[in-house]
Amino acid sequence: MAALEEPPVQNPLAAQVQKEAQFWQTGRIDENQAQARSRYRIFGSKPELTELGCRTIEAQNWTSDADLACAYINWSSYAYSGQGEGRAEPEAFEQRLQTMQVVLHNQDNREHDLLDSDDYYQFQGRADRCSAGCERAESPNLLW
């Protein structure tokens, strides 16, 4: 969809990807890298990890919202595409957070609830703090 040449009204994804590619090309990276980076929509933990990678909250290893945001970006900025394994893309992730409208952590596990693991609130809390730290008009909606 993002590669189709259609009017922005018919294909807002393609229009957004083109806009972001131009943003990344302005003195930063070459055209191929800019095109790839502008298409990233899925971010997560480092390949083969099943959690956020660090226990910032539980370990009380933070003093401010900025600390939580930094930890979230460091451990969740691996971009996944149809081209293979996730790759560290913290700048692309931060840029994506600036336009995020919803934070959703979908869980299909009925064996425990939200309070059984700190992974749930670490994800939601850090995503919220990180997006709040970005220059944006309002915070995204948080959905459980």
C-alpha atoms as a PDB file:
ATOM      1  CA  MET A   1       0.000   0.000   0.000  1.00  0.00           C
ATOM      2  CA  ALA A   2       2.729   2.446   0.939  1.00  0.00           C
ATOM      3  CA  ALA A   3       4.411   2.109  -2.468  1.00  0.00           C
ATOM      4  CA  LEU A   4       1.287   2.773  -4.537  1.00  0.00           C
ATOM      5  CA  GLU A   5       1.138   6.081  -6.369  1.00  0.00           C
ATOM      6  CA  GLU A   6      -2.312   7.344  -5.459  1.00  0.00           C
ATOM      7  CA  PRO A   7      -3.702  10.680  -4.307  1.00  0.00           C
ATOM      8  CA  PRO A   8      -3.233  11.304  -0.566  1.00  0.00           C
ATOM      9  CA  VAL A   9      -6.986  11.234  -0.005  1.00  0.00           C
ATOM     10  CA  GLN A  10      -7.139   7.691  -1.385  1.00  0.00           C
ATOM     11  CA  ASN A  11      -3.929   6.453   0.236  1.00  0.00           C
ATOM     12  CA  PRO A  12      -2.953   8.403   3.374  1.00  0.00           C
ATOM     13  CA  LEU A  13      -0.342   5.760   4.263  1.00  0.00           C
ATOM     14  CA  ALA A  14       1.574   6.350   1.018  1.00  0.00           C
ATOM     15  CA  ALA A  15       1.370  10.106   1.548  1.00  0.00           C
ATOM     16  CA  GLN A  16       2.714   9.779   5.100  1.00  0.00           C
ATOM     17  CA  VAL A  17       5.549   7.467   4.014  1.00  0.00           C
ATOM     18  CA  GLN A  18       6.555   9.902   1.281  1.00  0.00           C
ATOM     19  CA  LYS A  19       6.519  12.811   3.756  1.00  0.00           C
ATOM     20  CA  GLU A  20       8.624  10.871   6.271  1.00  0.00           C
ATOM     21  CA  ALA A  21      11.104   9.748   3.597  1.00  0.00           C
ATOM     22  CA  GLN A  22      11.670  13.397   2.676  1.00  0.00           C
ATOM     23  CA  PHE A  23      12.152  14.224   6.363  1.00  0.00           C
ATOM     24  CA  TRP A  24      14.840  11.537   6.778  1.00  0.00           C
ATOM     25  CA  GLN A  25      16.626  12.561   3.578  1.00  0.00           C
ATOM     26  CA  THR A  26      17.152  16.163   4.654  1.00  0.00           C
ATOM     27  CA  GLY A  27      20.834  15.852   5.444  1.00  0.00           C
ATOM     28  CA  ARG A  28      20.585  12.643   7.429  1.00  0.00           C
ATOM     29  CA  ILE A  29      20.587   9.414   5.437  1.00  0.00           C
ATOM     30  CA  ASP A  30      20.546   8.257   1.825  1.00  0.00           C
ATOM     31  CA  GLU A  31      17.356   7.684  -0.158  1.00  0.00           C
ATOM     32  CA  ASN A  32      17.194   3.893   0.296  1.00  0.00           C
ATOM     33  CA  GLN A  33      17.637   4.105   4.059  1.00  0.00           C
ATOM     34  CA  ALA A  34      15.106   6.943   4.236  1.00  0.00           C
ATOM     35  CA  GLN A  35      12.547   4.881   2.310  1.00  0.00           C
ATOM     36  CA  ALA A  36      13.059   1.885   4.598  1.00  0.00           C
ATOM     37  CA  ARG A  37      12.903   3.968   7.770  1.00  0.00           C
ATOM     38  CA  SER A  38       9.743   5.770   6.656  1.00  0.00           C
ATOM     39  CA  ARG A  39       7.946   2.417   6.330  1.00  0.00           C
ATOM     40  CA  TYR A  40       8.646   1.132   9.841  1.00  0.00           C
ATOM     41  CA  ARG A  41       5.394   0.703  11.720  1.00  0.00           C
ATOM     42  CA  ILE A  42       6.129  -2.198  14.084  1.00  0.00           C
ATOM     43  CA  PHE A  43       8.604  -1.814  16.941  1.00  0.00           C
ATOM     44  CA  GLY A  44       9.408  -4.100  19.824  1.00  0.00           C
ATOM     45  CA  SER A  45      12.074  -5.726  21.924  1.00  0.00           C
ATOM     46  CA  LYS A  46      15.370  -6.975  20.609  1.00  0.00           C
ATOM     47  CA  PRO A  47      14.980 -10.135  18.506  1.00  0.00           C
ATOM     48  CA  GLU A  48      14.536 -13.262  20.624  1.00  0.00           C
ATOM     49  CA  LEU A  49      13.614 -11.336  23.777  1.00  0.00           C
ATOM     50  CA  THR A  50      10.103 -11.773  25.118  1.00  0.00           C
ATOM     51  CA  GLU A  51      10.079  -8.799  27.465  1.00  0.00           C
ATOM     52  CA  LEU A  52      11.203  -5.193  27.532  1.00  0.00           C
ATOM     53  CA  GLY A  53      14.701  -6.263  28.448  1.00  0.00           C
ATOM     54  CA  CYS A  54      15.162  -4.411  31.691  1.00  0.00           C
ATOM     55  CA  ARG A  55      13.349  -4.115  34.987  1.00  0.00           C
ATOM     56  CA  THR A  56      13.585  -0.366  35.464  1.00  0.00           C
ATOM     57  CA  ILE A  57      10.511   0.007  37.651  1.00  0.00           C
ATOM     58  CA  GLU A  58      10.939  -3.121  39.760  1.00  0.00           C
ATOM     59  CA  ALA A  59      14.638  -2.397  40.339  1.00  0.00           C
ATOM     60  CA  GLN A  60      13.780   1.213  41.244  1.00  0.00           C
ATOM     61  CA  ASN A  61      16.405   2.246  38.734  1.00  0.00           C
ATOM     62  CA  TRP A  62      14.812   5.552  37.804  1.00  0.00           C
ATOM     63  CA  THR A  63      14.246   8.991  39.257  1.00  0.00           C
ATOM     64  CA  SER A  64      12.174  10.758  36.596  1.00  0.00           C
ATOM     65  CA  ASP A  65       9.799  10.204  33.714  1.00  0.00           C
ATOM     66  CA  ALA A  66      12.728  10.892  31.390  1.00  0.00           C
ATOM     67  CA  ASP A  67      14.534   7.844  32.828  1.00  0.00           C
ATOM     68  CA  LEU A  68      11.520   5.663  32.025  1.00  0.00           C
ATOM     69  CA  ALA A  69      11.297   7.098  28.526  1.00  0.00           C
ATOM     70  CA  CYS A  70      15.000   6.490  27.888  1.00  0.00           C
ATOM     71  CA  ALA A  71      14.768   2.878  29.036  1.00  0.00           C
ATOM     72  CA  TYR A  72      11.705   2.318  26.867  1.00  0.00           C
ATOM     73  CA  ILE A  73      13.417   3.688  23.758  1.00  0.00           C
ATOM     74  CA  ASN A  74      16.604   1.731  24.395  1.00  0.00           C
ATOM     75  CA  TRP A  75      14.795  -1.587  24.800  1.00  0.00           C
ATOM     76  CA  SER A  76      11.818  -1.207  22.451  1.00  0.00           C
ATOM     77  CA  SER A  77      13.210   0.523  19.380  1.00  0.00           C
ATOM     78  CA  TYR A  78      13.802  -2.564  17.235  1.00  0.00           C
ATOM     79  CA  ALA A  79      11.986  -2.110  13.935  1.00  0.00           C
ATOM     80  CA  TYR A  80      10.391  -5.123  12.287  1.00  0.00           C
ATOM     81  CA  SER A  81       9.466  -5.309   8.631  1.00  0.00           C
ATOM     82  CA  GLY A  82       8.902  -7.977   6.032  1.00  0.00           C
ATOM     83  CA  GLN A  83      12.640  -7.939   5.323  1.00  0.00           C
ATOM     84  CA  GLY A  84      13.781 -10.021   8.283  1.00  0.00           C
ATOM     85  CA  GLU A  85      14.919  -9.612  11.873  1.00  0.00           C
ATOM     86  CA  GLY A  86      14.386  -6.508  13.951  1.00  0.00           C
ATOM     87  CA  ARG A  87      17.038  -3.842  13.772  1.00  0.00           C
ATOM     88  CA  ALA A  88      17.816  -1.089  16.258  1.00  0.00           C
ATOM     89  CA  GLU A  89      16.201   2.120  15.011  1.00  0.00           C
ATOM     90  CA  PRO A  90      15.886   4.452  18.024  1.00  0.00           C
ATOM     91  CA  GLU A  91      15.589   7.631  15.921  1.00  0.00           C
ATOM     92  CA  ALA A  92      12.788   6.108  13.827  1.00  0.00           C
ATOM     93  CA  PHE A  93      11.033   4.895  16.974  1.00  0.00           C
ATOM     94  CA  GLU A  94      11.215   8.315  18.633  1.00  0.00           C
ATOM     95  CA  GLN A  95       9.843   9.923  15.481  1.00  0.00           C
ATOM     96  CA  ARG A  96       7.004   7.382  15.391  1.00  0.00           C
ATOM     97  CA  LEU A  97       6.166   8.107  19.039  1.00  0.00           C
ATOM     98  CA  GLN A  98       5.617  11.760  18.159  1.00  0.00           C
ATOM     99  CA  THR A  99       2.691  10.813  15.914  1.00  0.00           C
ATOM    100  CA  MET A 100       1.279   7.928  17.956  1.00  0.00           C
ATOM    101  CA  GLN A 101      -2.425   8.157  18.766  1.00  0.00           C
ATOM    102  CA  VAL A 102      -2.976   4.963  20.778  1.00  0.00           C
ATOM    103  CA  VAL A 103      -0.851   2.808  23.076  1.00  0.00           C
ATOM    104  CA  LEU A 104      -2.229  -0.721  23.077  1.00  0.00           C
ATOM    105  CA  HIS A 105      -0.664  -3.715  24.779  1.00  0.00           C
ATOM    106  CA  ASN A 106      -2.680  -6.696  23.617  1.00  0.00           C
ATOM    107  CA  GLN A 107      -2.451  -9.802  25.795  1.00  0.00           C
ATOM    108  CA  ASP A 108      -4.155 -13.094  25.083  1.00  0.00           C
ATOM    109  CA  ASN A 109      -3.026 -14.855  28.238  1.00  0.00           C
ATOM    110  CA  ARG A 110      -5.862 -15.833  30.579  1.00  0.00           C
ATOM    111  CA  GLU A 111      -3.568 -17.481  33.129  1.00  0.00           C
ATOM    112  CA  HIS A 112      -2.682 -14.308  35.000  1.00  0.00           C
ATOM    113  CA  ASP A 113      -3.881 -10.760  35.391  1.00  0.00           C
ATOM    114  CA  LEU A 114      -2.308  -7.346  35.013  1.00  0.00           C
ATOM    115  CA  LEU A 115      -0.815  -7.349  38.509  1.00  0.00           C
ATOM    116  CA  ASP A 116       0.987 -10.707  38.153  1.00  0.00           C
ATOM    117  CA  SER A 117       3.808  -9.236  36.085  1.00  0.00           C
ATOM    118  CA  ASP A 118       5.441  -5.841  35.811  1.00  0.00           C
ATOM    119  CA  ASP A 119       5.763  -6.216  32.028  1.00  0.00           C
ATOM    120  CA  TYR A 120       2.278  -4.796  31.550  1.00  0.00           C
ATOM    121  CA  TYR A 121       2.709  -1.566  33.448  1.00  0.00           C
ATOM    122  CA  GLN A 122       6.316  -1.161  32.291  1.00  0.00           C
ATOM    123  CA  PHE A 123       5.119  -1.242  28.682  1.00  0.00           C
ATOM    124  CA  GLN A 124       2.137   1.052  29.159  1.00  0.00           C
ATOM    125  CA  GLY A 125       3.883   3.443  31.523  1.00  0.00           C
ATOM    126  CA  ARG A 126       7.044   3.796  29.538  1.00  0.00           C
ATOM    127  CA  ALA A 127       5.195   4.201  26.248  1.00  0.00           C
ATOM    128  CA  ASP A 128       3.054   6.912  27.803  1.00  0.00           C
ATOM    129  CA  ARG A 129       5.995   8.740  29.445  1.00  0.00           C
ATOM    130  CA  CYS A 130       8.040   8.498  26.274  1.00  0.00           C
ATOM    131  CA  SER A 131       5.316   9.898  24.046  1.00  0.00           C
ATOM    132  CA  ALA A 132       4.538  12.604  26.616  1.00  0.00           C
ATOM    133  CA  GLY A 133       8.195  13.645  26.492  1.00  0.00           C
ATOM    134  CA  CYS A 134       8.027  14.105  22.736  1.00  0.00           C
ATOM    135  CA  GLU A 135       7.017  17.468  21.393  1.00  0.00           C
ATOM    136  CA  ARG A 136       3.311  16.849  20.844  1.00  0.00           C
ATOM    137  CA  ALA A 137       0.028  18.571  21.535  1.00  0.00           C
ATOM    138  CA  GLU A 138      -1.536  15.741  23.562  1.00  0.00           C
ATOM    139  CA  SER A 139      -0.721  12.304  24.908  1.00  0.00           C
ATOM    140  CA  PRO A 140      -1.998   9.181  23.137  1.00  0.00           C
ATOM    141  CA  ASN A 141      -4.932   7.156  24.457  1.00  0.00           C
ATOM    142  CA  LEU A 142      -3.897   4.240  26.691  1.00  0.00           C
ATOM    143  CA  LEU A 143      -5.835   1.021  26.123  1.00  0.00           C
ATOM    144  CA  TRP A 144      -5.557  -2.243  28.070  1.00  0.00           C
END
